[in-house]
């Protein structure tokens, strides 16, 4: 029993203790979806027009027009009021220059969005950019979660990071629901994004570190299914709630089971062993054995200590950057994460309207994610990380090329959706592959650094779509070529299927020659 993976096998593999931890992780990921896409419904903008008392009673009705006609006249003006008298007919009215500002405010149509902060703070017309700025501020918070909180997880431990991020996410979310002003709301949403992503990222890593090699692919990929399920919950809340503040409060509801579940979550023993905190690791490993009702050899801890090469230091991110092999792995993965997000958001934003209301369309977006992640997990378990991820990315690129030449209509939409399906599956895969390449002391920070590249790809994708007006095929050509190139580069990464999870820099360097868990546990002749 020389590695922590051997300990996991001896204590029952992925048993009751691991399932309890995984339950907490799934709640955290589900919560991440609710918090990330809240603004789709709380900040949505439907039809609106200038408030004007003359359109409702009095002068308008006195001009022999019905109340319906008066309302329609009012809806002709959205950001400016018309300066006119009611002896004009409607045709002449449309020819008048809009010269008067909306002095009485606006009237909002509630047929789609019932109540939003856009309406409450009147973020329309010359203030309409504020809503987009708020979303950008939220995405900026992700960058903090990807870096500073990822560093905190590697430096101080997974468990304290989970507690801090969970508590701060809850407080920030509750406070944002009581925001009196857009600036306050934006600052609190920044905090929500930073801490919620730190929570999600650390939860992902702790779940993979607690899984045996055979289960790691399923644990690391299928945990995104709760994220997809969050789409359905958000659609229901957006459809039936009449208050955006209540909407945000209800998205914090998963914190209740999370607080109850966190009592059953412990520090990652793998991280403790990497820090040579053997006594602390022993307490948790003994707890795992008791919970799973499996005996532990009396000398297992001594074997773990003796197997640790004293010449090998635990390592940090600078060691990764100094080593040419690991540096190439990191650059390869940075590009891959960038392309994953670049193509995913590019295809999502360039897909034609589904012809249904916003709530049904949002549900369909989540429904597509579930089979994608399931398919990605199956192909990784069956064919390995490189063939699955690389093959899916190449397929997505080919589907993008096919979309260029496909006729408008169902055929073109089919190719576009095939491309989106493949890139979604590979996006889930790359999380697992990255976590299996980098060693325990820098695992969260490595995944977080790669996630920064993904955020940049997501920001650039909509800008690329602007070039459609100059060359209609250019965005799809860029999506296709970058996806195929990234897919080919995946084959230069080490295959990690069934391999022991690296705990040191040396383990990561030896991944290509490292035996699988079955070979490591095979009895010697």
Protein backbone atom coordinates (compact mmCIF):
# COMPACT_ATOMS: atom_id res chain seq x y z
CA UNK A 1 0.00 0.00 0.00
CA UNK A 2 2.21 2.76 -1.37
CA UNK A 3 -0.22 5.41 -2.62
CA UNK A 4 -3.46 7.04 -1.56
CA UNK A 5 -5.20 5.30 -4.47
CA UNK A 6 -4.22 2.00 -2.82
CA UNK A 7 -5.79 3.28 0.41
CA UNK A 8 -9.01 4.15 -1.42
CA UNK A 9 -9.20 0.66 -2.89
CA UNK A 10 -8.59 -0.91 0.53
CA UNK A 11 -11.33 1.18 2.14
CA UNK A 12 -14.04 0.18 -0.32
CA UNK A 13 -13.31 2.26 -3.41
CA UNK A 14 -16.15 4.70 -4.06
CA UNK A 15 -18.44 3.76 -1.19
CA UNK A 16 -20.79 5.42 1.30
CA UNK A 17 -18.26 7.99 2.55
CA UNK A 18 -17.47 9.14 -0.99
CA UNK A 19 -21.16 9.34 -1.92
CA UNK A 20 -21.79 11.64 1.05
CA UNK A 21 -19.02 13.95 -0.09
CA UNK A 22 -20.27 13.77 -3.66
CA UNK A 23 -23.74 14.87 -2.53
CA UNK A 24 -22.22 18.08 -1.16
CA UNK A 25 -20.29 18.61 -4.39
CA UNK A 26 -23.43 18.19 -6.52
CA UNK A 27 -25.26 20.82 -4.44
CA UNK A 28 -22.36 23.24 -4.93
CA UNK A 29 -22.37 22.69 -8.71
CA UNK A 30 -26.18 23.01 -8.89
CA UNK A 31 -25.93 26.24 -6.91
CA UNK A 32 -23.31 27.48 -9.38
CA UNK A 33 -25.82 27.27 -12.23
CA UNK A 34 -28.50 29.15 -10.30
CA UNK A 35 -26.15 31.97 -9.40
CA UNK A 36 -24.48 32.22 -12.80
CA UNK A 37 -27.63 32.53 -14.91
CA UNK A 38 -29.82 34.46 -12.46
CA UNK A 39 -29.48 37.65 -14.47
CA UNK A 40 -31.07 36.03 -17.53
CA UNK A 41 -34.40 36.45 -15.75
CA UNK A 42 -33.78 39.06 -13.05
CA UNK A 43 -32.24 41.49 -15.55
CA UNK A 44 -34.28 40.69 -18.66
CA UNK A 45 -35.81 43.51 -20.66
CA UNK A 46 -39.15 43.12 -22.42
CA UNK A 47 -41.06 45.71 -24.41
CA UNK A 48 -41.30 49.16 -22.84
CA UNK A 49 -42.47 52.62 -23.78
CA UNK A 50 -42.63 56.12 -22.37
CA UNK A 51 -45.11 56.74 -19.58
CA UNK A 52 -47.45 59.54 -20.63
CA UNK A 53 -50.67 60.47 -18.94
CA UNK A 54 -52.03 61.95 -22.17
CA UNK A 55 -52.13 58.46 -23.72
CA UNK A 56 -54.29 57.06 -20.96
CA UNK A 57 -57.11 59.52 -20.32
CA UNK A 58 -58.16 63.00 -21.10
CA UNK A 59 -56.76 64.52 -24.28
CA UNK A 60 -56.29 61.24 -26.16
CA UNK A 61 -59.74 59.87 -25.36
CA UNK A 62 -61.30 63.24 -26.09
CA UNK A 63 -59.95 62.98 -29.65
CA UNK A 64 -62.48 60.19 -30.41
CA UNK A 65 -59.85 57.40 -30.05
CA UNK A 66 -60.45 54.22 -28.06
CA UNK A 67 -58.33 53.34 -25.04
CA UNK A 68 -56.69 50.56 -27.11
CA UNK A 69 -55.73 53.08 -29.79
CA UNK A 70 -54.34 55.42 -27.18
CA UNK A 71 -52.21 52.63 -25.71
CA UNK A 72 -50.86 51.75 -29.15
CA UNK A 73 -49.93 55.38 -29.76
CA UNK A 74 -48.04 55.42 -26.48
CA UNK A 75 -46.12 52.28 -27.45
CA UNK A 76 -44.76 54.03 -30.52
CA UNK A 77 -42.42 55.96 -28.25
CA UNK A 78 -39.82 53.96 -26.26
CA UNK A 79 -36.88 56.22 -25.36
CA UNK A 80 -38.27 59.58 -26.44
CA UNK A 81 -41.75 61.05 -26.37
CA UNK A 82 -43.43 62.48 -29.44
CA UNK A 83 -44.31 66.13 -29.38
CA UNK A 84 -47.73 66.24 -30.97
CA UNK A 85 -51.38 67.07 -30.53
CA UNK A 86 -54.21 64.64 -30.97
CA UNK A 87 -55.62 66.23 -34.09
CA UNK A 88 -52.87 64.29 -35.93
CA UNK A 89 -53.60 60.79 -37.20
CA UNK A 90 -51.32 57.86 -36.39
CA UNK A 91 -49.65 57.84 -39.82
CA UNK A 92 -48.64 61.45 -39.48
CA UNK A 93 -47.49 60.83 -35.91
CA UNK A 94 -44.85 58.34 -37.05
CA UNK A 95 -43.26 61.04 -39.19
CA UNK A 96 -42.64 63.37 -36.26
CA UNK A 97 -39.13 63.66 -34.80
CA UNK A 98 -38.74 62.30 -31.26
CA UNK A 99 -37.68 65.35 -29.37
CA UNK A 100 -39.05 64.99 -25.85
CA UNK A 101 -37.36 62.80 -23.20
CA UNK A 102 -39.47 60.39 -21.19
CA UNK A 103 -40.14 62.76 -18.34
CA UNK A 104 -42.72 60.53 -16.63
CA UNK A 105 -40.68 57.33 -16.74
CA UNK A 106 -41.53 54.14 -18.58
CA UNK A 107 -44.22 51.49 -18.78
CA UNK A 108 -42.98 47.89 -19.03
CA UNK A 109 -44.72 44.97 -20.68
CA UNK A 110 -44.94 41.98 -18.31
CA UNK A 111 -45.94 39.32 -20.82
CA UNK A 112 -42.42 37.78 -20.67
CA UNK A 113 -40.55 39.20 -17.67
CA UNK A 114 -42.80 39.90 -14.71
CA UNK A 115 -40.47 41.99 -12.58
CA UNK A 116 -36.76 42.75 -13.04
CA UNK A 117 -34.16 45.09 -11.63
CA UNK A 118 -34.00 46.59 -15.12
CA UNK A 119 -37.54 47.86 -14.58
CA UNK A 120 -37.07 48.87 -10.94
CA UNK A 121 -33.95 50.92 -11.64
CA UNK A 122 -35.14 51.92 -15.16
CA UNK A 123 -31.97 50.64 -16.85
CA UNK A 124 -33.24 51.34 -20.36
CA UNK A 125 -32.44 53.75 -23.20
CA UNK A 126 -29.32 55.73 -22.24
CA UNK A 127 -28.84 53.44 -19.20
CA UNK A 128 -29.35 50.16 -21.08
CA UNK A 129 -25.60 49.42 -21.13
CA UNK A 130 -25.61 49.15 -17.33
CA UNK A 131 -27.20 45.69 -17.53
CA UNK A 132 -24.40 44.44 -19.77
CA UNK A 133 -21.82 46.04 -17.51
CA UNK A 134 -23.30 44.22 -14.52
CA UNK A 135 -22.93 40.91 -16.36
CA UNK A 136 -19.32 41.75 -17.25
CA UNK A 137 -18.64 42.61 -13.61
CA UNK A 138 -20.01 39.21 -12.62
CA UNK A 139 -17.75 37.43 -15.14
CA UNK A 140 -14.80 39.40 -13.77
CA UNK A 141 -15.52 37.85 -10.40
CA UNK A 142 -14.90 34.43 -11.95
CA UNK A 143 -11.31 35.46 -12.62
CA UNK A 144 -10.78 36.05 -8.90
CA UNK A 145 -12.27 32.65 -8.11
CA UNK A 146 -10.06 31.03 -10.75
CA UNK A 147 -6.86 32.49 -9.32
CA UNK A 148 -6.84 33.80 -5.74
CA UNK A 149 -9.32 31.29 -4.30
CA UNK A 150 -7.72 28.46 -6.26
CA UNK A 151 -4.38 29.44 -4.74
CA UNK A 152 -6.02 29.50 -1.31
CA UNK A 153 -7.30 25.96 -1.83
CA UNK A 154 -3.85 24.65 -2.72
CA UNK A 155 -2.09 26.64 0.00
CA UNK A 156 -4.43 26.32 2.99
CA UNK A 157 -6.52 23.27 2.11
CA UNK A 158 -9.71 22.26 0.36
CA UNK A 159 -11.97 22.24 3.41
CA UNK A 160 -11.30 25.78 4.74
CA UNK A 161 -11.74 27.08 1.19
CA UNK A 162 -15.11 25.30 0.92
CA UNK A 163 -16.27 26.79 4.22
CA UNK A 164 -15.13 30.34 3.42
CA UNK A 165 -16.47 30.27 -0.14
CA UNK A 166 -19.77 28.70 0.91
CA UNK A 167 -20.37 31.21 3.70
CA UNK A 168 -19.36 34.23 1.62
CA UNK A 169 -21.40 33.10 -1.38
CA UNK A 170 -24.48 32.77 0.82
CA UNK A 171 -24.00 36.17 2.47
CA UNK A 172 -23.24 37.92 -0.83
CA UNK A 173 -26.29 36.38 -2.49
CA UNK A 174 -28.63 37.37 0.32
CA UNK A 175 -27.18 40.88 0.42
CA UNK A 176 -27.52 41.31 -3.35
CA UNK A 177 -31.26 40.67 -3.05
CA UNK A 178 -31.53 43.78 -0.87
CA UNK A 179 -29.39 46.02 -3.10
CA UNK A 180 -30.69 49.60 -3.22
CA UNK A 181 -28.62 50.64 -6.25
CA UNK A 182 -27.00 49.09 -9.37
CA UNK A 183 -23.48 49.89 -8.12
CA UNK A 184 -24.09 48.06 -4.85
CA UNK A 185 -25.71 45.20 -6.76
CA UNK A 186 -22.73 44.95 -9.13
CA UNK A 187 -20.20 44.88 -6.27
CA UNK A 188 -22.13 42.13 -4.47
CA UNK A 189 -22.58 40.13 -7.67
CA UNK A 190 -18.81 40.34 -8.19
CA UNK A 191 -18.37 38.74 -4.76
CA UNK A 192 -21.00 36.10 -5.54
CA UNK A 193 -19.15 35.14 -8.74
CA UNK A 194 -15.73 34.99 -7.09
CA UNK A 195 -16.76 32.90 -4.10
CA UNK A 196 -19.24 30.66 -5.96
CA UNK A 197 -16.65 29.76 -8.59
CA UNK A 198 -14.08 29.13 -5.88
CA UNK A 199 -16.66 26.85 -4.24
CA UNK A 200 -17.40 25.00 -7.50
CA UNK A 201 -13.76 24.61 -8.49
CA UNK A 202 -12.65 23.33 -5.09
CA UNK A 203 -15.66 20.99 -4.92
CA UNK A 204 -14.74 19.52 -8.30
CA UNK A 205 -11.15 18.87 -7.25
CA UNK A 206 -12.01 17.37 -3.86
CA UNK A 207 -14.48 14.98 -5.52
CA UNK A 208 -11.88 13.74 -8.02
CA UNK A 209 -9.25 13.40 -5.29
CA UNK A 210 -11.60 11.16 -3.30
CA UNK A 211 -12.41 8.92 -6.28
CA UNK A 212 -10.65 5.75 -7.38
CA UNK A 213 -9.11 5.78 -10.89
CA UNK A 214 -11.97 3.72 -12.33
CA UNK A 215 -14.61 6.09 -10.93
CA UNK A 216 -12.79 9.37 -11.48
CA UNK A 217 -14.07 9.89 -15.02
CA UNK A 218 -17.70 9.49 -13.95
CA UNK A 219 -17.30 11.56 -10.80
CA UNK A 220 -15.54 14.40 -12.60
CA UNK A 221 -17.86 14.53 -15.61
CA UNK A 222 -21.33 13.63 -14.38
CA UNK A 223 -21.16 16.16 -11.54
CA UNK A 224 -21.98 18.78 -14.23
CA UNK A 225 -25.40 17.16 -14.70
CA UNK A 226 -26.74 19.02 -11.61
CA UNK A 227 -25.49 22.19 -13.29
CA UNK A 228 -27.67 21.37 -16.32
CA UNK A 229 -30.64 20.57 -14.06
CA UNK A 230 -30.32 24.10 -12.68
CA UNK A 231 -31.56 25.40 -16.05
CA UNK A 232 -34.99 23.86 -15.40
CA UNK A 233 -35.24 25.32 -11.90
CA UNK A 234 -34.30 28.79 -13.13
CA UNK A 235 -36.89 28.61 -15.90
CA UNK A 236 -39.63 27.72 -13.41
CA UNK A 237 -38.60 30.51 -11.03
CA UNK A 238 -38.48 33.04 -13.86
CA UNK A 239 -41.85 31.93 -15.19
CA UNK A 240 -43.84 32.14 -11.97
CA UNK A 241 -42.14 34.58 -9.58
CA UNK A 242 -43.27 38.21 -9.53
CA UNK A 243 -40.23 39.67 -7.76
CA UNK A 244 -36.60 39.64 -8.84
CA UNK A 245 -35.54 40.05 -5.20
CA UNK A 246 -37.50 36.95 -4.18
CA UNK A 247 -35.98 35.16 -7.18
CA UNK A 248 -32.45 35.80 -5.87
CA UNK A 249 -33.43 34.80 -2.34
CA UNK A 250 -34.75 31.46 -3.58
CA UNK A 251 -31.55 30.75 -5.50
CA UNK A 252 -29.87 30.75 -2.10
CA UNK A 253 -32.18 27.94 -0.88
CA UNK A 254 -29.63 25.16 -1.75
CA UNK A 255 -27.42 26.56 1.00
CA UNK A 256 -29.72 24.87 3.54
CA UNK A 257 -28.89 21.26 2.49
CA UNK A 258 -25.31 22.38 1.81
CA UNK A 259 -24.86 23.52 5.42
CA UNK A 260 -26.27 20.19 6.61
CA UNK A 261 -24.03 18.25 4.23
CA UNK A 262 -20.80 20.09 5.04
CA UNK A 263 -20.67 18.33 8.41
CA UNK A 264 -19.94 15.13 6.49
CA UNK A 265 -17.19 16.70 4.38
CA UNK A 266 -13.55 16.49 5.46
CA UNK A 267 -10.25 17.79 4.24
CA UNK A 268 -8.85 15.91 1.27
CA UNK A 269 -6.52 13.19 2.67
CA UNK A 270 -4.61 13.32 -0.62
CA UNK A 271 -3.84 17.00 -0.03
CA UNK A 272 -2.85 16.33 3.60
CA UNK A 273 -0.48 13.56 2.52
CA UNK A 274 1.09 15.87 -0.07
CA UNK A 275 1.75 18.33 2.78
CA UNK A 276 3.19 15.48 4.94
CA UNK A 277 0.47 15.98 7.54
CA UNK A 278 0.26 12.26 8.19
CA UNK A 279 -1.54 12.38 11.56
CA UNK A 280 -4.35 14.54 10.16
CA UNK A 281 -4.60 12.33 7.09
CA UNK A 282 -4.71 9.21 9.28
CA UNK A 283 -7.74 10.52 11.22
CA UNK A 284 -9.72 11.04 8.04
CA UNK A 285 -8.62 7.75 6.43
CA UNK A 286 -9.65 5.91 9.60
CA UNK A 287 -13.03 7.69 9.36
CA UNK A 288 -13.39 6.60 5.72
CA UNK A 289 -12.66 3.00 6.69
CA UNK A 290 -15.19 3.09 9.55
CA UNK A 291 -17.90 4.69 7.41
CA UNK A 292 -17.35 2.21 4.57
CA UNK A 293 -16.96 -0.66 7.09
CA UNK A 294 -13.64 -1.79 5.69
CA UNK A 295 -10.54 -2.81 7.70
CA UNK A 296 -7.22 -1.02 7.27
CA UNK A 297 -3.79 -2.66 7.59
CA UNK A 298 -2.09 -1.51 10.77
CA UNK A 299 1.08 -0.47 8.97
CA UNK A 300 -0.56 1.36 6.05
CA UNK A 301 0.55 4.82 7.24
CA UNK A 302 4.13 3.69 7.72
CA UNK A 303 4.14 2.34 4.18
CA UNK A 304 2.81 5.64 2.84
CA UNK A 305 5.52 7.59 4.68
CA UNK A 306 8.29 5.27 3.51
CA UNK A 307 7.12 5.37 -0.09
CA UNK A 308 7.45 9.16 -0.19
CA UNK A 309 10.74 10.05 -1.81
CA UNK A 310 12.41 12.54 0.51
CA UNK A 311 14.27 14.02 -2.45
CA UNK A 312 11.04 15.07 -4.08
CA UNK A 313 9.54 18.28 -2.78
CA UNK A 314 5.82 18.88 -2.83
CA UNK A 315 6.19 21.48 -5.59
CA UNK A 316 4.40 24.67 -6.48
CA UNK A 317 3.25 26.52 -9.58
CA UNK A 318 6.73 27.94 -10.19
CA UNK A 319 8.05 24.38 -10.44
CA UNK A 320 5.45 23.70 -13.12
CA UNK A 321 6.51 26.77 -15.09
CA UNK A 322 10.21 26.00 -14.73
CA UNK A 323 9.87 22.46 -16.06
CA UNK A 324 9.77 22.40 -19.89
CA UNK A 325 7.54 19.31 -20.06
CA UNK A 326 4.93 20.57 -17.59
CA UNK A 327 5.13 24.02 -19.14
CA UNK A 328 4.19 22.55 -22.52
CA UNK A 329 1.35 20.60 -20.92
CA UNK A 330 0.06 23.82 -19.33
CA UNK A 331 0.29 25.83 -22.58
CA UNK A 332 -1.47 23.03 -24.46
CA UNK A 333 -4.28 22.93 -21.90
CA UNK A 334 -4.58 26.73 -21.78
CA UNK A 335 -5.20 26.76 -25.52
CA UNK A 336 -7.62 23.84 -25.25
CA UNK A 337 -9.66 25.49 -22.49
CA UNK A 338 -9.70 28.73 -24.47
CA UNK A 339 -11.01 26.93 -27.57
CA UNK A 340 -13.57 24.90 -25.61
CA UNK A 341 -15.22 28.08 -24.33
CA UNK A 342 -14.63 30.02 -27.57
CA UNK A 343 -16.40 27.44 -29.73
CA UNK A 344 -19.10 26.59 -27.17
CA UNK A 345 -20.27 30.18 -26.71
CA UNK A 346 -19.71 30.98 -30.38
CA UNK A 347 -22.02 28.18 -31.51
CA UNK A 348 -24.57 28.98 -28.79
CA UNK A 349 -24.78 32.64 -29.74
CA UNK A 350 -24.85 32.01 -33.50
CA UNK A 351 -27.59 29.38 -33.41
CA UNK A 352 -30.89 30.53 -34.94
CA UNK A 353 -33.90 31.13 -32.70
CA UNK A 354 -35.79 28.01 -31.69
CA UNK A 355 -39.12 29.77 -32.21
CA UNK A 356 -40.30 29.26 -28.61
CA UNK A 357 -40.50 31.54 -25.61
CA UNK A 358 -37.43 32.34 -23.54
CA UNK A 359 -38.32 29.89 -20.73
CA UNK A 360 -38.72 26.87 -23.01
CA UNK A 361 -35.57 27.80 -24.93
CA UNK A 362 -33.64 28.01 -21.66
CA UNK A 363 -34.89 24.54 -20.65
CA UNK A 364 -33.81 23.11 -24.01
CA UNK A 365 -30.33 24.57 -23.49
CA UNK A 366 -30.05 22.62 -20.25
CA UNK A 367 -31.56 19.47 -21.76
CA UNK A 368 -28.82 19.35 -24.41
CA UNK A 369 -26.14 19.43 -21.70
CA UNK A 370 -27.24 16.22 -19.92
CA UNK A 371 -26.68 13.69 -22.76
CA UNK A 372 -23.49 15.54 -23.73
CA UNK A 373 -21.86 15.02 -20.34
CA UNK A 374 -23.08 11.42 -20.18
CA UNK A 375 -21.65 10.67 -23.62
CA UNK A 376 -18.34 12.32 -22.68
CA UNK A 377 -18.04 10.23 -19.52
CA UNK A 378 -18.78 7.00 -21.41
CA UNK A 379 -16.24 7.68 -24.17
CA UNK A 380 -13.52 8.67 -21.68
CA UNK A 381 -14.06 5.49 -19.68
CA UNK A 382 -14.14 3.34 -22.81
CA UNK A 383 -11.50 4.87 -25.08
CA UNK A 384 -9.40 7.05 -22.78
CA UNK A 385 -9.03 10.79 -22.22
CA UNK A 386 -7.11 11.66 -25.39
CA UNK A 387 -9.27 9.81 -27.90
CA UNK A 388 -12.49 11.03 -26.31
CA UNK A 389 -11.58 14.70 -25.84
CA UNK A 390 -9.50 15.04 -28.99
CA UNK A 391 -12.00 13.13 -31.11
CA UNK A 392 -14.95 15.18 -29.88
CA UNK A 393 -13.15 18.45 -30.59
CA UNK A 394 -12.18 17.36 -34.10
CA UNK A 395 -15.76 16.21 -34.71
CA UNK A 396 -17.05 19.58 -33.49
CA UNK A 397 -14.70 21.35 -35.90
CA UNK A 398 -15.83 19.20 -38.82
CA UNK A 399 -19.47 19.88 -37.90
CA UNK A 400 -18.71 23.62 -38.00
CA UNK A 401 -17.20 23.26 -41.47
CA UNK A 402 -20.26 21.27 -42.59
CA UNK A 403 -22.50 24.03 -41.23
CA UNK A 404 -20.86 26.51 -43.61
CA UNK A 405 -21.88 24.53 -46.69
CA UNK A 406 -25.23 23.24 -45.40
CA UNK A 407 -28.39 24.90 -46.77
CA UNK A 408 -30.40 27.11 -44.44
CA UNK A 409 -33.04 25.25 -42.48
CA UNK A 410 -33.12 21.96 -40.54
CA UNK A 411 -29.93 20.59 -42.13
CA UNK A 412 -27.85 23.59 -41.11
CA UNK A 413 -29.33 23.61 -37.60
CA UNK A 414 -28.62 19.87 -37.24
CA UNK A 415 -24.92 20.30 -38.05
CA UNK A 416 -24.66 23.27 -35.69
CA UNK A 417 -26.29 21.32 -32.84
CA UNK A 418 -23.98 18.33 -33.47
CA UNK A 419 -21.04 20.67 -33.13
CA UNK A 420 -22.43 22.11 -29.91
CA UNK A 421 -23.14 18.63 -28.52
CA UNK A 422 -19.54 17.53 -29.17
CA UNK A 423 -17.91 20.66 -27.75
CA UNK A 424 -20.10 20.47 -24.62
CA UNK A 425 -19.03 16.86 -24.02
CA UNK A 426 -15.35 17.68 -24.53
CA UNK A 427 -15.66 20.69 -22.20
CA UNK A 428 -16.69 18.36 -19.39
CA UNK A 429 -13.83 16.00 -20.30
CA UNK A 430 -11.10 18.61 -20.16
CA UNK A 431 -11.81 19.31 -16.49
CA UNK A 432 -11.05 15.69 -15.60
CA UNK A 433 -8.01 15.39 -17.86
CA UNK A 434 -6.47 18.57 -16.44
CA UNK A 435 -7.02 17.47 -12.84
CA UNK A 436 -5.35 14.14 -13.61
CA UNK A 437 -2.26 15.70 -15.17
CA UNK A 438 -1.16 18.17 -12.50
CA UNK A 439 -0.03 17.11 -9.00
CA UNK A 440 -2.01 17.54 -5.82
CA UNK A 441 -0.21 20.64 -4.41
CA UNK A 442 -1.06 22.73 -7.50
CA UNK A 443 -4.14 20.93 -8.83
CA UNK A 444 -6.78 23.54 -7.98
CA UNK A 445 -4.58 26.43 -9.10
CA UNK A 446 -3.78 24.64 -12.38
CA UNK A 447 -7.44 24.00 -13.16
CA UNK A 448 -8.22 27.58 -12.13
CA UNK A 449 -5.51 29.00 -14.39
CA UNK A 450 -6.88 27.02 -17.33
CA UNK A 451 -10.35 28.26 -16.45
CA UNK A 452 -9.12 31.84 -16.85
CA UNK A 453 -8.25 31.00 -20.46
CA UNK A 454 -11.78 29.63 -20.88
CA UNK A 455 -13.27 32.89 -19.60
CA UNK A 456 -11.22 34.84 -22.15
CA UNK A 457 -12.51 32.55 -24.91
CA UNK A 458 -16.08 33.15 -23.81
CA UNK A 459 -15.55 36.92 -23.89
CA UNK A 460 -13.99 36.90 -27.37
CA UNK A 461 -16.60 34.60 -28.98
CA UNK A 462 -19.39 37.20 -29.34
CA UNK A 463 -16.89 39.72 -30.72
CA UNK A 464 -15.94 37.29 -33.50
CA UNK A 465 -19.59 37.09 -34.56
CA UNK A 466 -19.42 40.77 -35.49
CA UNK A 467 -17.35 39.79 -38.56
CA UNK A 468 -20.37 38.01 -40.03
CA UNK A 469 -21.41 41.28 -41.66
CA UNK A 470 -18.13 41.35 -43.61
CA UNK A 471 -17.74 37.62 -44.35
CA UNK A 472 -20.62 35.39 -43.26
CA UNK A 473 -18.49 32.22 -43.01
CA UNK A 474 -15.55 33.72 -41.12
CA UNK A 475 -16.79 32.96 -37.54
CA UNK A 476 -17.54 29.32 -38.37
CA UNK A 477 -14.17 28.97 -40.10
CA UNK A 478 -12.43 30.25 -36.97
CA UNK A 479 -14.50 28.00 -34.71
CA UNK A 480 -13.86 24.95 -36.90
CA UNK A 481 -10.12 25.46 -37.44
CA UNK A 482 -9.37 26.27 -33.80
CA UNK A 483 -11.39 23.26 -32.59
CA UNK A 484 -9.62 20.84 -34.95
CA UNK A 485 -6.19 22.21 -34.00
CA UNK A 486 -6.99 21.95 -30.27
CA UNK A 487 -8.27 18.39 -30.81
CA UNK A 488 -5.00 17.39 -32.47
CA UNK A 489 -2.97 18.99 -29.67
CA UNK A 490 -4.81 16.85 -27.10
CA UNK A 491 -2.93 13.82 -28.47
CA UNK A 492 0.35 15.36 -27.26
CA UNK A 493 -0.89 15.23 -23.65
CA UNK A 494 -0.30 12.14 -21.50
CA UNK A 495 -3.07 9.54 -21.33
CA UNK A 496 -4.35 9.32 -17.76
CA UNK A 497 -7.03 6.65 -18.05
CA UNK A 498 -6.73 4.30 -15.08
CA UNK A 499 -3.48 5.95 -13.94
CA UNK A 500 -2.69 6.78 -10.34
CA UNK A 501 -3.37 10.43 -9.61
CA UNK A 502 -0.07 12.38 -9.45
CA UNK A 503 0.86 13.68 -6.01
CA UNK A 504 4.24 15.22 -6.87
CA UNK A 505 5.89 17.03 -9.77
CA UNK A 506 7.81 13.85 -10.51
CA UNK A 507 4.57 11.85 -10.73
CA UNK A 508 3.25 14.29 -13.34
CA UNK A 509 6.47 14.02 -15.35
CA UNK A 510 6.23 10.22 -15.29
CA UNK A 511 2.57 10.02 -16.33
CA UNK A 512 3.38 8.50 -19.73
CA UNK A 513 5.32 5.69 -18.06
CA UNK A 514 3.35 5.54 -14.82
CA UNK A 515 1.56 2.17 -14.40
CA UNK A 516 -2.19 1.99 -14.24
CA UNK A 517 -3.89 1.37 -10.92
CA UNK A 518 -4.48 -2.26 -11.91
CA UNK A 519 -0.80 -2.78 -12.75
CA UNK A 520 0.27 -1.08 -9.55
CA UNK A 521 -1.98 -3.34 -7.47
CA UNK A 522 -1.16 -6.55 -9.35
CA UNK A 523 0.62 -9.16 -7.18
CA UNK A 524 4.30 -9.54 -7.92
CA UNK A 525 5.58 -12.91 -9.07
